[in-house]
Amino acid sequence: MKVFAFLAAILAMAFSSFADFTNSPENFSPHFPTNTKIFWKAPTNDLPKSYWIYKRLPLRPFSATVISNAIVLASLQSKGFPKPSTNNFFYAEDKGPNYPGTIPIYFNISPKSATISYGLPHPGTNTSGIPDDKFLLQRAWACAVQLGVNPAQVTLKEMTYRFNQDENYDDLPNQVCGRGVFLSRKLNGILFWSSGTEDDSIDGFWIEFGSHEQIRAFSLVWPDLKRVELQPAASPQQIINCIWAQKTIVLPNAGEETYFQRIKALANAKTFTITKITPYYREGTFAEVPTNDVPPEFVTPLGELEAVADFGNSNATIRLLSPILSSEVIRLLKSKTK
């Protein structure tokens, strides 16, 4: 499975219900025996002692200026400019009346998810004239401003690459056909967690350029938020307790095809040492997901942990997603006992 799709699936598990065991974090978490020793050596002095929880405000239309600028960025001026509305709006490919499959949508405005997105139909495989870093960064920041983003509220998170693929859909590393920039939204200086690609659920702005600076795709995700509650951070011991209870998620390595074998092998670790913790925000609540295709009501923090598993004659670096609020740890550990 491709790593980015895998990441999306695993993160969905982190924000899904524990009611179905097959979809629970226990299947993606280390199962350490009682003789494994877990140590905390991650610095925490510079971390917040508490974190704000945010709530989505009621949906509102994108402004006429933002909509018209998005249409121009997508080079769709000939189709006209839709008016601001709380209803979804999209352009789909013309496939004819008897097309057997799902008709691809290449431009979409979704006020419910606070998203505007575009993907160039049939972008091609040309690898000549791919923009350099300087152009990408200048254009990404300028385009973000055109779509109403305050530069003070975003930070460069990732530079992305798009590769041509072979007949097995594996990337061809020497054939770059697109390059992009992801500007993550930040709350209180904390970025949103992402796998580094055009995930349309991550708050911020992503844009990709192809041959001769053509815009291949972009995505803006920007719901209106307000602070609702300040909650204390989890202690290192509480997070360790979550690891023991299998309430954390091991993240896959790039291109990894032996993910579950690696999780199983972690049971052989003599020691497991957490060396770093980075807070991020993410829409939703750890281990819960809204139903009926409703966007998450809250935006809450989580932690990405880095750790070293020592097997005696070898070691491995592991990354995990973990709750970072004390209240969420308490809730998750209670669910373990039910």
C-alpha atoms as a PDB file:
ATOM      1  CA  MET A   1       0.000   0.000   0.000  1.00  0.00           C
ATOM      2  CA  LYS A   2       1.306   3.475  -0.818  1.00  0.00           C
ATOM      3  CA  VAL A   3       2.593   5.192   2.298  1.00  0.00           C
ATOM      4  CA  PHE A   4       0.406   8.315   2.096  1.00  0.00           C
ATOM      5  CA  ALA A   5      -2.795   6.309   1.694  1.00  0.00           C
ATOM      6  CA  PHE A   6      -1.583   4.090   4.529  1.00  0.00           C
ATOM      7  CA  LEU A   7      -0.982   7.097   6.753  1.00  0.00           C
ATOM      8  CA  ALA A   8      -4.459   8.401   6.051  1.00  0.00           C
ATOM      9  CA  ALA A   9      -5.967   5.029   6.915  1.00  0.00           C
ATOM     10  CA  ILE A  10      -4.000   4.723  10.144  1.00  0.00           C
ATOM     11  CA  LEU A  11      -4.785   8.269  11.223  1.00  0.00           C
ATOM     12  CA  ALA A  12      -8.451   7.523  10.585  1.00  0.00           C
ATOM     13  CA  MET A  13      -8.046   4.633  13.006  1.00  0.00           C
ATOM     14  CA  ALA A  14      -6.627   7.017  15.593  1.00  0.00           C
ATOM     15  CA  PHE A  15      -9.792   9.085  15.338  1.00  0.00           C
ATOM     16  CA  SER A  16     -12.207   6.164  15.063  1.00  0.00           C
ATOM     17  CA  SER A  17     -14.360   4.356  17.579  1.00  0.00           C
ATOM     18  CA  PHE A  18     -12.970   1.594  19.772  1.00  0.00           C
ATOM     19  CA  ALA A  19     -16.278  -0.257  19.462  1.00  0.00           C
ATOM     20  CA  ASP A  20     -15.016  -2.361  16.533  1.00  0.00           C
ATOM     21  CA  PHE A  21     -11.834  -4.141  17.569  1.00  0.00           C
ATOM     22  CA  THR A  22     -10.642  -4.544  13.985  1.00  0.00           C
ATOM     23  CA  ASN A  23     -10.610  -0.756  13.692  1.00  0.00           C
ATOM     24  CA  SER A  24      -9.034  -0.001  17.060  1.00  0.00           C
ATOM     25  CA  PRO A  25      -5.570   1.394  17.794  1.00  0.00           C
ATOM     26  CA  GLU A  26      -4.635  -1.853  19.563  1.00  0.00           C
ATOM     27  CA  ASN A  27      -3.959  -3.318  16.117  1.00  0.00           C
ATOM     28  CA  PHE A  28      -1.515  -0.501  15.283  1.00  0.00           C
ATOM     29  CA  SER A  29       0.184  -0.179  18.668  1.00  0.00           C
ATOM     30  CA  PRO A  30       3.175  -1.964  20.248  1.00  0.00           C
ATOM     31  CA  HIS A  31       2.271  -4.959  22.411  1.00  0.00           C
ATOM     32  CA  PHE A  32       5.122  -4.948  24.879  1.00  0.00           C
ATOM     33  CA  PRO A  33       5.582  -7.796  27.349  1.00  0.00           C
ATOM     34  CA  THR A  34       5.850  -6.911  31.024  1.00  0.00           C
ATOM     35  CA  ASN A  35       9.642  -7.311  31.013  1.00  0.00           C
ATOM     36  CA  THR A  36      10.130  -4.526  28.416  1.00  0.00           C
ATOM     37  CA  LYS A  37      11.308  -1.316  30.057  1.00  0.00           C
ATOM     38  CA  ILE A  38       9.894   1.984  28.827  1.00  0.00           C
ATOM     39  CA  PHE A  39      11.887   5.123  29.524  1.00  0.00           C
ATOM     40  CA  TRP A  40      11.068   8.789  28.963  1.00  0.00           C
ATOM     41  CA  LYS A  41      14.017  10.953  27.867  1.00  0.00           C
ATOM     42  CA  ALA A  42      12.151  13.476  25.731  1.00  0.00           C
ATOM     43  CA  PRO A  43      12.689  17.123  26.733  1.00  0.00           C
ATOM     44  CA  THR A  44       9.469  18.769  27.901  1.00  0.00           C
ATOM     45  CA  ASN A  45      10.598  22.105  29.351  1.00  0.00           C
ATOM     46  CA  ASP A  46       9.665  24.024  26.201  1.00  0.00           C
ATOM     47  CA  LEU A  47       6.291  22.319  25.751  1.00  0.00           C
ATOM     48  CA  PRO A  48       3.007  23.956  26.793  1.00  0.00           C
ATOM     49  CA  LYS A  49       1.647  22.959  30.182  1.00  0.00           C
ATOM     50  CA  SER A  50      -1.864  23.163  28.745  1.00  0.00           C
ATOM     51  CA  TYR A  51      -3.528  23.284  25.333  1.00  0.00           C
ATOM     52  CA  TRP A  52      -6.589  25.024  23.946  1.00  0.00           C
ATOM     53  CA  ILE A  53      -9.385  22.991  22.424  1.00  0.00           C
ATOM     54  CA  TYR A  54     -11.088  24.722  19.504  1.00  0.00           C
ATOM     55  CA  LYS A  55     -14.626  24.436  18.191  1.00  0.00           C
ATOM     56  CA  ARG A  56     -15.780  24.884  14.616  1.00  0.00           C
ATOM     57  CA  LEU A  57     -18.107  27.808  14.103  1.00  0.00           C
ATOM     58  CA  PRO A  58     -21.214  27.434  11.911  1.00  0.00           C
ATOM     59  CA  LEU A  59     -20.424  27.177   8.219  1.00  0.00           C
ATOM     60  CA  ARG A  60     -20.345  30.329   6.157  1.00  0.00           C
ATOM     61  CA  PRO A  61     -19.812  31.013   2.446  1.00  0.00           C
ATOM     62  CA  PHE A  62     -16.380  31.776   1.073  1.00  0.00           C
ATOM     63  CA  SER A  63     -16.177  35.415   0.010  1.00  0.00           C
ATOM     64  CA  ALA A  64     -16.665  36.480  -3.595  1.00  0.00           C
ATOM     65  CA  THR A  65     -13.019  37.592  -3.714  1.00  0.00           C
ATOM     66  CA  VAL A  66     -11.691  34.229  -2.535  1.00  0.00           C
ATOM     67  CA  ILE A  67     -13.939  32.345  -4.955  1.00  0.00           C
ATOM     68  CA  SER A  68     -12.968  34.479  -7.944  1.00  0.00           C
ATOM     69  CA  ASN A  69      -9.268  34.193  -7.089  1.00  0.00           C
ATOM     70  CA  ALA A  70      -9.602  30.406  -6.826  1.00  0.00           C
ATOM     71  CA  ILE A  71     -11.287  30.300 -10.238  1.00  0.00           C
ATOM     72  CA  VAL A  72      -8.432  32.339 -11.719  1.00  0.00           C
ATOM     73  CA  LEU A  73      -5.776  30.128 -10.119  1.00  0.00           C
ATOM     74  CA  ALA A  74      -7.507  27.129 -11.688  1.00  0.00           C
ATOM     75  CA  SER A  75      -7.701  28.931 -15.084  1.00  0.00           C
ATOM     76  CA  LEU A  76     -11.464  28.411 -15.181  1.00  0.00           C
ATOM     77  CA  GLN A  77     -12.488  32.012 -15.941  1.00  0.00           C
ATOM     78  CA  SER A  78     -14.265  30.942 -19.114  1.00  0.00           C
ATOM     79  CA  LYS A  79     -16.798  29.033 -17.025  1.00  0.00           C
ATOM     80  CA  GLY A  80     -17.782  32.110 -15.027  1.00  0.00           C
ATOM     81  CA  PHE A  81     -17.599  32.908 -11.340  1.00  0.00           C
ATOM     82  CA  PRO A  82     -19.948  31.187  -8.868  1.00  0.00           C
ATOM     83  CA  LYS A  83     -21.563  33.351  -6.220  1.00  0.00           C
ATOM     84  CA  PRO A  84     -20.929  32.886  -2.490  1.00  0.00           C
ATOM     85  CA  SER A  85     -23.212  30.230  -1.029  1.00  0.00           C
ATOM     86  CA  THR A  86     -23.423  27.701   1.787  1.00  0.00           C
ATOM     87  CA  ASN A  87     -24.165  25.027  -0.821  1.00  0.00           C
ATOM     88  CA  ASN A  88     -21.466  22.884  -2.397  1.00  0.00           C
ATOM     89  CA  PHE A  89     -20.298  23.832  -5.880  1.00  0.00           C
ATOM     90  CA  PHE A  90     -18.167  21.803  -8.266  1.00  0.00           C
ATOM     91  CA  TYR A  91     -17.016  21.306 -11.831  1.00  0.00           C
ATOM     92  CA  ALA A  92     -16.853  17.725 -13.078  1.00  0.00           C
ATOM     93  CA  GLU A  93     -15.298  16.259 -16.195  1.00  0.00           C
ATOM     94  CA  ASP A  94     -17.600  15.791 -19.170  1.00  0.00           C
ATOM     95  CA  LYS A  95     -17.765  12.028 -19.563  1.00  0.00           C
ATOM     96  CA  GLY A  96     -21.022  11.762 -21.489  1.00  0.00           C
ATOM     97  CA  PRO A  97     -24.413  10.386 -20.397  1.00  0.00           C
ATOM     98  CA  ASN A  98     -23.468   6.683 -20.307  1.00  0.00           C
ATOM     99  CA  TYR A  99     -20.123   6.880 -18.518  1.00  0.00           C
ATOM    100  CA  PRO A 100     -19.951   3.703 -16.333  1.00  0.00           C
ATOM    101  CA  GLY A 101     -17.790   4.983 -13.483  1.00  0.00           C
ATOM    102  CA  THR A 102     -17.672   7.846 -11.006  1.00  0.00           C
ATOM    103  CA  ILE A 103     -17.305  11.162 -12.814  1.00  0.00           C
ATOM    104  CA  PRO A 104     -14.126  12.934 -11.618  1.00  0.00           C
ATOM    105  CA  ILE A 105     -14.544  16.347  -9.970  1.00  0.00           C
ATOM    106  CA  TYR A 106     -11.695  18.741 -10.683  1.00  0.00           C
ATOM    107  CA  PHE A 107     -12.866  21.895  -8.885  1.00  0.00           C
ATOM    108  CA  ASN A 108     -14.822  21.897  -5.637  1.00  0.00           C
ATOM    109  CA  ILE A 109     -16.083  24.443  -3.105  1.00  0.00           C
ATOM    110  CA  SER A 110     -17.374  22.836   0.082  1.00  0.00           C
ATOM    111  CA  PRO A 111     -18.480  25.307   2.779  1.00  0.00           C
ATOM    112  CA  LYS A 112     -19.365  22.418   5.101  1.00  0.00           C
ATOM    113  CA  SER A 113     -15.763  21.241   5.200  1.00  0.00           C
ATOM    114  CA  ALA A 114     -14.427  24.791   4.642  1.00  0.00           C
ATOM    115  CA  THR A 115     -12.502  23.546   1.613  1.00  0.00           C
ATOM    116  CA  ILE A 116     -11.703  24.788  -1.875  1.00  0.00           C
ATOM    117  CA  SER A 117      -9.791  22.328  -4.021  1.00  0.00           C
ATOM    118  CA  TYR A 118      -8.657  21.903  -7.596  1.00  0.00           C
ATOM    119  CA  GLY A 119      -6.915  19.172  -9.553  1.00  0.00           C
ATOM    120  CA  LEU A 120      -5.905  19.652 -13.184  1.00  0.00           C
ATOM    121  CA  PRO A 121      -7.613  16.968 -15.292  1.00  0.00           C
ATOM    122  CA  HIS A 122      -5.037  14.772 -17.026  1.00  0.00           C
ATOM    123  CA  PRO A 123      -1.993  16.801 -15.915  1.00  0.00           C
ATOM    124  CA  GLY A 124       0.437  14.848 -18.057  1.00  0.00           C
ATOM    125  CA  THR A 125       3.901  13.490 -17.398  1.00  0.00           C
ATOM    126  CA  ASN A 126       6.160  16.274 -18.665  1.00  0.00           C
ATOM    127  CA  THR A 127       9.260  16.574 -16.467  1.00  0.00           C
ATOM    128  CA  SER A 128      10.816  19.638 -18.115  1.00  0.00           C
ATOM    129  CA  GLY A 129      10.680  23.102 -16.594  1.00  0.00           C
ATOM    130  CA  ILE A 130       9.728  21.975 -13.076  1.00  0.00           C
ATOM    131  CA  PRO A 131       9.968  25.061 -10.783  1.00  0.00           C
ATOM    132  CA  ASP A 132      12.774  25.494  -8.270  1.00  0.00           C
ATOM    133  CA  ASP A 133      12.401  26.182  -4.544  1.00  0.00           C
ATOM    134  CA  LYS A 134      12.511  29.964  -4.875  1.00  0.00           C
ATOM    135  CA  PHE A 135       9.623  30.066  -7.340  1.00  0.00           C
ATOM    136  CA  LEU A 136       7.586  27.519  -5.399  1.00  0.00           C
ATOM    137  CA  LEU A 137       7.830  29.383  -2.119  1.00  0.00           C
ATOM    138  CA  GLN A 138       7.143  32.818  -3.590  1.00  0.00           C
ATOM    139  CA  ARG A 139       4.102  31.607  -5.525  1.00  0.00           C
ATOM    140  CA  ALA A 140       2.747  29.474  -2.687  1.00  0.00           C
ATOM    141  CA  TRP A 141       2.745  32.384  -0.244  1.00  0.00           C
ATOM    142  CA  ALA A 142       1.244  34.736  -2.849  1.00  0.00           C
ATOM    143  CA  CYS A 143      -1.510  32.273  -3.782  1.00  0.00           C
ATOM    144  CA  ALA A 144      -2.333  31.635  -0.118  1.00  0.00           C
ATOM    145  CA  VAL A 145      -2.868  35.358   0.405  1.00  0.00           C
ATOM    146  CA  GLN A 146      -5.129  35.467  -2.671  1.00  0.00           C
ATOM    147  CA  LEU A 147      -7.309  32.839  -1.013  1.00  0.00           C
ATOM    148  CA  GLY A 148      -7.638  34.871   2.169  1.00  0.00           C
ATOM    149  CA  VAL A 149      -4.895  33.265   4.269  1.00  0.00           C
ATOM    150  CA  ASN A 150      -3.129  35.524   6.750  1.00  0.00           C
ATOM    151  CA  PRO A 151       0.618  34.730   6.384  1.00  0.00           C
ATOM    152  CA  ALA A 152       1.051  35.100  10.152  1.00  0.00           C
ATOM    153  CA  GLN A 153      -1.296  32.126  10.661  1.00  0.00           C
ATOM    154  CA  VAL A 154       0.614  29.584   8.548  1.00  0.00           C
ATOM    155  CA  THR A 155       4.102  28.095   8.471  1.00  0.00           C
ATOM    156  CA  LEU A 156       5.947  26.147   5.786  1.00  0.00           C
ATOM    157  CA  LYS A 157       5.509  22.499   6.724  1.00  0.00           C
ATOM    158  CA  GLU A 158       6.530  20.461   3.671  1.00  0.00           C
ATOM    159  CA  MET A 159       7.889  20.665   0.139  1.00  0.00           C
ATOM    160  CA  THR A 160       6.226  17.876  -1.833  1.00  0.00           C
ATOM    161  CA  TYR A 161       7.145  15.953  -4.982  1.00  0.00           C
ATOM    162  CA  ARG A 162       5.034  14.233  -7.626  1.00  0.00           C
ATOM    163  CA  PHE A 163       6.643  11.454  -9.652  1.00  0.00           C
ATOM    164  CA  ASN A 164       5.636   9.644 -12.794  1.00  0.00           C
ATOM    165  CA  GLN A 165       4.863   5.986 -12.094  1.00  0.00           C
ATOM    166  CA  ASP A 166       5.628   2.667 -13.727  1.00  0.00           C
ATOM    167  CA  GLU A 167       3.123  -0.011 -14.703  1.00  0.00           C
ATOM    168  CA  ASN A 168       2.947  -1.144 -11.055  1.00  0.00           C
ATOM    169  CA  TYR A 169       2.147   2.411  -9.877  1.00  0.00           C
ATOM    170  CA  ASP A 170       5.534   2.699  -8.177  1.00  0.00           C
ATOM    171  CA  ASP A 171       7.163   6.125  -8.259  1.00  0.00           C
ATOM    172  CA  LEU A 172      10.006   6.722 -10.699  1.00  0.00           C
ATOM    173  CA  PRO A 173      12.404   8.851  -8.583  1.00  0.00           C
ATOM    174  CA  ASN A 174      14.191  10.334 -11.603  1.00  0.00           C
ATOM    175  CA  GLN A 175      10.941  11.577 -13.183  1.00  0.00           C
ATOM    176  CA  VAL A 176       9.603  14.509 -11.175  1.00  0.00           C
ATOM    177  CA  CYS A 177       6.473  15.866 -12.867  1.00  0.00           C
ATOM    178  CA  GLY A 178       5.264  18.157 -10.083  1.00  0.00           C
ATOM    179  CA  ARG A 179       6.455  19.960  -6.982  1.00  0.00           C
ATOM    180  CA  GLY A 180       4.402  21.511  -4.236  1.00  0.00           C
ATOM    181  CA  VAL A 181       4.344  23.434  -0.990  1.00  0.00           C
ATOM    182  CA  PHE A 182       2.223  22.800   2.097  1.00  0.00           C
ATOM    183  CA  LEU A 183       1.662  25.761   4.410  1.00  0.00           C
ATOM    184  CA  SER A 184       0.244  24.432   7.650  1.00  0.00           C
ATOM    185  CA  ARG A 185      -2.200  26.449   9.684  1.00  0.00           C
ATOM    186  CA  LYS A 186      -0.949  27.053  13.202  1.00  0.00           C
ATOM    187  CA  LEU A 187      -2.786  27.602  16.473  1.00  0.00           C
ATOM    188  CA  ASN A 188      -0.795  29.165  19.321  1.00  0.00           C
ATOM    189  CA  GLY A 189       2.330  28.428  17.280  1.00  0.00           C
ATOM    190  CA  ILE A 190       1.461  24.717  16.929  1.00  0.00           C
ATOM    191  CA  LEU A 191       1.147  23.245  13.423  1.00  0.00           C
ATOM    192  CA  PHE A 192      -1.387  20.740  12.151  1.00  0.00           C
ATOM    193  CA  TRP A 193      -0.280  17.138  11.853  1.00  0.00           C
ATOM    194  CA  SER A 194      -0.041  15.786   8.329  1.00  0.00           C
ATOM    195  CA  SER A 195       1.709  13.168   6.255  1.00  0.00           C
ATOM    196  CA  GLY A 196       3.130  15.945   4.097  1.00  0.00           C
ATOM    197  CA  THR A 197       0.814  15.701   1.100  1.00  0.00           C
ATOM    198  CA  GLU A 198      -2.413  17.159  -0.212  1.00  0.00           C
ATOM    199  CA  ASP A 199      -4.570  15.587   2.500  1.00  0.00           C
ATOM    200  CA  ASP A 200      -7.845  17.480   2.153  1.00  0.00           C
ATOM    201  CA  SER A 201      -8.611  17.234   5.872  1.00  0.00           C
ATOM    202  CA  ILE A 202      -5.532  19.154   7.071  1.00  0.00           C
ATOM    203  CA  ASP A 203      -5.984  22.832   7.907  1.00  0.00           C
ATOM    204  CA  GLY A 204      -3.789  24.984   5.714  1.00  0.00           C
ATOM    205  CA  PHE A 205      -2.948  25.558   2.059  1.00  0.00           C
ATOM    206  CA  TRP A 206      -1.266  23.199  -0.409  1.00  0.00           C
ATOM    207  CA  ILE A 207      -0.399  23.927  -4.025  1.00  0.00           C
ATOM    208  CA  GLU A 208       1.467  21.966  -6.683  1.00  0.00           C
ATOM    209  CA  PHE A 209       3.118  23.204  -9.861  1.00  0.00           C
ATOM    210  CA  GLY A 210       4.136  21.171 -12.884  1.00  0.00           C
ATOM    211  CA  SER A 211       6.003  21.740 -16.103  1.00  0.00           C
ATOM    212  CA  HIS A 212       6.647  25.408 -16.947  1.00  0.00           C
ATOM    213  CA  GLU A 213       5.015  26.604 -13.728  1.00  0.00           C
ATOM    214  CA  GLN A 214       1.516  25.326 -14.529  1.00  0.00           C
ATOM    215  CA  ILE A 215      -0.717  24.924 -11.467  1.00  0.00           C
ATOM    216  CA  ARG A 216      -1.559  21.221 -11.253  1.00  0.00           C
ATOM    217  CA  ALA A 217      -3.557  21.267  -8.017  1.00  0.00           C
ATOM    218  CA  PHE A 218      -4.296  23.184  -4.835  1.00  0.00           C
ATOM    219  CA  SER A 219      -6.308  22.757  -1.663  1.00  0.00           C
ATOM    220  CA  LEU A 220      -7.396  25.269   0.978  1.00  0.00           C
ATOM    221  CA  VAL A 221      -8.852  23.985   4.255  1.00  0.00           C
ATOM    222  CA  TRP A 222      -9.803  26.816   6.600  1.00  0.00           C
ATOM    223  CA  PRO A 223     -12.751  26.436   8.988  1.00  0.00           C
ATOM    224  CA  ASP A 224     -13.633  29.256  11.380  1.00  0.00           C
ATOM    225  CA  LEU A 225     -12.545  28.271  14.883  1.00  0.00           C
ATOM    226  CA  LYS A 226     -12.929  29.619  18.396  1.00  0.00           C
ATOM    227  CA  ARG A 227     -11.269  28.691  21.664  1.00  0.00           C
ATOM    228  CA  VAL A 228     -13.568  26.812  24.014  1.00  0.00           C
ATOM    229  CA  GLU A 229     -11.473  25.191  26.755  1.00  0.00           C
ATOM    230  CA  LEU A 230      -7.917  25.153  28.099  1.00  0.00           C
ATOM    231  CA  GLN A 231      -6.913  21.668  29.272  1.00  0.00           C
ATOM    232  CA  PRO A 232      -3.765  20.431  31.042  1.00  0.00           C
ATOM    233  CA  ALA A 233      -1.176  18.451  29.129  1.00  0.00           C
ATOM    234  CA  ALA A 234      -0.667  14.776  29.837  1.00  0.00           C
ATOM    235  CA  SER A 235       2.357  13.884  31.927  1.00  0.00           C
ATOM    236  CA  PRO A 236       5.110  11.653  30.522  1.00  0.00           C
ATOM    237  CA  GLN A 237       3.913   8.834  32.795  1.00  0.00           C
ATOM    238  CA  GLN A 238       0.360   9.142  31.478  1.00  0.00           C
ATOM    239  CA  ILE A 239       1.619   8.828  27.898  1.00  0.00           C
ATOM    240  CA  ILE A 240       3.732   5.821  28.879  1.00  0.00           C
ATOM    241  CA  ASN A 241       0.585   4.302  30.391  1.00  0.00           C
ATOM    242  CA  CYS A 242      -1.120   4.786  27.003  1.00  0.00           C
ATOM    243  CA  ILE A 243       1.716   2.910  25.315  1.00  0.00           C
ATOM    244  CA  TRP A 244       1.311   0.038  27.781  1.00  0.00           C
ATOM    245  CA  ALA A 245      -2.445   0.025  27.120  1.00  0.00           C
ATOM    246  CA  GLN A 246      -1.981  -0.045  23.310  1.00  0.00           C
ATOM    247  CA  LYS A 247      -3.638   3.357  22.832  1.00  0.00           C
ATOM    248  CA  THR A 248      -0.959   4.819  20.564  1.00  0.00           C
ATOM    249  CA  ILE A 249      -0.454   4.442  16.809  1.00  0.00           C
ATOM    250  CA  VAL A 250       2.851   3.372  15.214  1.00  0.00           C
ATOM    251  CA  LEU A 251       3.409   5.375  12.037  1.00  0.00           C
ATOM    252  CA  PRO A 252       4.685   3.578   8.911  1.00  0.00           C
ATOM    253  CA  ASN A 253       8.017   4.380   7.331  1.00  0.00           C
ATOM    254  CA  ALA A 254       8.118   5.761   3.787  1.00  0.00           C
ATOM    255  CA  GLY A 255       7.423   2.997   1.276  1.00  0.00           C
ATOM    256  CA  GLU A 256       7.040   0.392   4.024  1.00  0.00           C
ATOM    257  CA  GLU A 257       5.390  -2.911   3.072  1.00  0.00           C
ATOM    258  CA  THR A 258       6.105  -4.839   6.278  1.00  0.00           C
ATOM    259  CA  TYR A 259       4.334  -2.502   8.674  1.00  0.00           C
ATOM    260  CA  PHE A 260       2.422  -5.103  10.694  1.00  0.00           C
ATOM    261  CA  GLN A 261       5.457  -7.381  10.903  1.00  0.00           C
ATOM    262  CA  ARG A 262       7.406  -4.459  12.360  1.00  0.00           C
ATOM    263  CA  ILE A 263       4.707  -3.817  14.972  1.00  0.00           C
ATOM    264  CA  LYS A 264       4.714  -7.481  15.929  1.00  0.00           C
ATOM    265  CA  ALA A 265       8.515  -7.474  16.208  1.00  0.00           C
ATOM    266  CA  LEU A 266       8.386  -4.621  18.725  1.00  0.00           C
ATOM    267  CA  ALA A 267       7.319  -7.184  21.307  1.00  0.00           C
ATOM    268  CA  ASN A 268      10.956  -8.343  21.292  1.00  0.00           C
ATOM    269  CA  ALA A 269      12.300  -4.967  22.428  1.00  0.00           C
ATOM    270  CA  LYS A 270      14.311  -5.017  25.649  1.00  0.00           C
ATOM    271  CA  THR A 271      13.854  -1.285  26.177  1.00  0.00           C
ATOM    272  CA  PHE A 272      11.738   1.411  24.544  1.00  0.00           C
ATOM    273  CA  THR A 273      12.967   4.974  25.046  1.00  0.00           C
ATOM    274  CA  ILE A 274      10.895   8.041  24.099  1.00  0.00           C
ATOM    275  CA  THR A 275      13.370  10.653  22.876  1.00  0.00           C
ATOM    276  CA  LYS A 276      11.133  13.394  21.483  1.00  0.00           C
ATOM    277  CA  ILE A 277       7.542  14.624  21.580  1.00  0.00           C
ATOM    278  CA  THR A 278       6.096  17.205  19.189  1.00  0.00           C
ATOM    279  CA  PRO A 279       2.595  18.613  19.681  1.00  0.00           C
ATOM    280  CA  TYR A 280       0.299  19.097  16.692  1.00  0.00           C
ATOM    281  CA  TYR A 281      -3.347  19.955  16.123  1.00  0.00           C
ATOM    282  CA  ARG A 282      -5.772  17.799  14.193  1.00  0.00           C
ATOM    283  CA  GLU A 283      -9.485  18.047  13.467  1.00  0.00           C
ATOM    284  CA  GLY A 284     -11.388  15.621  15.653  1.00  0.00           C
ATOM    285  CA  THR A 285     -10.831  13.995  19.021  1.00  0.00           C
ATOM    286  CA  PHE A 286      -8.310  11.200  19.518  1.00  0.00           C
ATOM    287  CA  ALA A 287     -10.116   7.851  19.054  1.00  0.00           C
ATOM    288  CA  GLU A 288     -13.458   9.363  18.039  1.00  0.00           C
ATOM    289  CA  VAL A 289     -14.895  10.267  14.645  1.00  0.00           C
ATOM    290  CA  PRO A 290     -18.138  12.020  13.663  1.00  0.00           C
ATOM    291  CA  THR A 291     -20.830  10.058  11.866  1.00  0.00           C
ATOM    292  CA  ASN A 292     -22.950  10.802   8.799  1.00  0.00           C
ATOM    293  CA  ASP A 293     -20.105  12.558   6.987  1.00  0.00           C
ATOM    294  CA  VAL A 294     -20.275  15.491   9.404  1.00  0.00           C
ATOM    295  CA  PRO A 295     -17.017  17.440   9.896  1.00  0.00           C
ATOM    296  CA  PRO A 296     -15.484  17.079  13.378  1.00  0.00           C
ATOM    297  CA  GLU A 297     -16.914  19.550  15.873  1.00  0.00           C
ATOM    298  CA  PHE A 298     -13.623  20.134  17.656  1.00  0.00           C
ATOM    299  CA  VAL A 299      -9.956  20.670  16.833  1.00  0.00           C
ATOM    300  CA  THR A 300      -7.714  19.105  19.477  1.00  0.00           C
ATOM    301  CA  PRO A 301      -3.986  18.487  19.979  1.00  0.00           C
ATOM    302  CA  LEU A 302      -2.118  15.213  19.737  1.00  0.00           C
ATOM    303  CA  GLY A 303       1.537  14.255  20.130  1.00  0.00           C
ATOM    304  CA  GLU A 304       3.968  12.689  17.683  1.00  0.00           C
ATOM    305  CA  LEU A 305       6.529  10.665  19.611  1.00  0.00           C
ATOM    306  CA  GLU A 306       9.958   9.546  18.502  1.00  0.00           C
ATOM    307  CA  ALA A 307      11.372   6.535  20.300  1.00  0.00           C
ATOM    308  CA  VAL A 308      14.178   3.997  20.072  1.00  0.00           C
ATOM    309  CA  ALA A 309      13.402   0.303  20.444  1.00  0.00           C
ATOM    310  CA  ASP A 310      16.470  -1.615  21.631  1.00  0.00           C
ATOM    311  CA  PHE A 311      16.428  -5.341  20.822  1.00  0.00           C
ATOM    312  CA  GLY A 312      19.770  -6.117  22.449  1.00  0.00           C
ATOM    313  CA  ASN A 313      21.765  -6.690  19.256  1.00  0.00           C
ATOM    314  CA  SER A 314      20.061  -3.958  17.194  1.00  0.00           C
ATOM    315  CA  ASN A 315      17.769  -0.978  17.560  1.00  0.00           C
ATOM    316  CA  ALA A 316      15.154   0.888  15.524  1.00  0.00           C
ATOM    317  CA  THR A 317      13.656   4.364  15.550  1.00  0.00           C
ATOM    318  CA  ILE A 318       9.875   4.394  15.936  1.00  0.00           C
ATOM    319  CA  ARG A 319       7.335   7.204  15.473  1.00  0.00           C
ATOM    320  CA  LEU A 320       3.945   7.093  17.185  1.00  0.00           C
ATOM    321  CA  LEU A 321       0.834   9.206  17.520  1.00  0.00           C
ATOM    322  CA  SER A 322      -0.345   9.673  21.079  1.00  0.00           C
ATOM    323  CA  PRO A 323      -2.944  11.651  23.023  1.00  0.00           C
ATOM    324  CA  ILE A 324      -1.370  14.693  24.631  1.00  0.00           C
ATOM    325  CA  LEU A 325      -4.208  15.911  26.872  1.00  0.00           C
ATOM    326  CA  SER A 326      -4.504  14.498  30.371  1.00  0.00           C
ATOM    327  CA  SER A 327      -8.289  14.210  29.981  1.00  0.00           C
ATOM    328  CA  GLU A 328      -7.948  12.143  26.811  1.00  0.00           C
ATOM    329  CA  VAL A 329      -5.482   9.771  28.428  1.00  0.00           C
ATOM    330  CA  ILE A 330      -7.914   9.234  31.303  1.00  0.00           C
ATOM    331  CA  ARG A 331     -10.768   8.582  28.864  1.00  0.00           C
ATOM    332  CA  LEU A 332      -8.734   6.136  26.776  1.00  0.00           C
ATOM    333  CA  LEU A 333      -7.481   4.206  29.762  1.00  0.00           C
ATOM    334  CA  LYS A 334     -11.025   3.922  31.099  1.00  0.00           C
ATOM    335  CA  SER A 335     -12.102   2.401  27.786  1.00  0.00           C
ATOM    336  CA  LYS A 336      -9.393  -0.240  28.231  1.00  0.00           C
ATOM    337  CA  THR A 337     -11.049  -1.489  31.414  1.00  0.00           C
ATOM    338  CA  LYS A 338     -14.596  -1.706  30.027  1.00  0.00           C
END
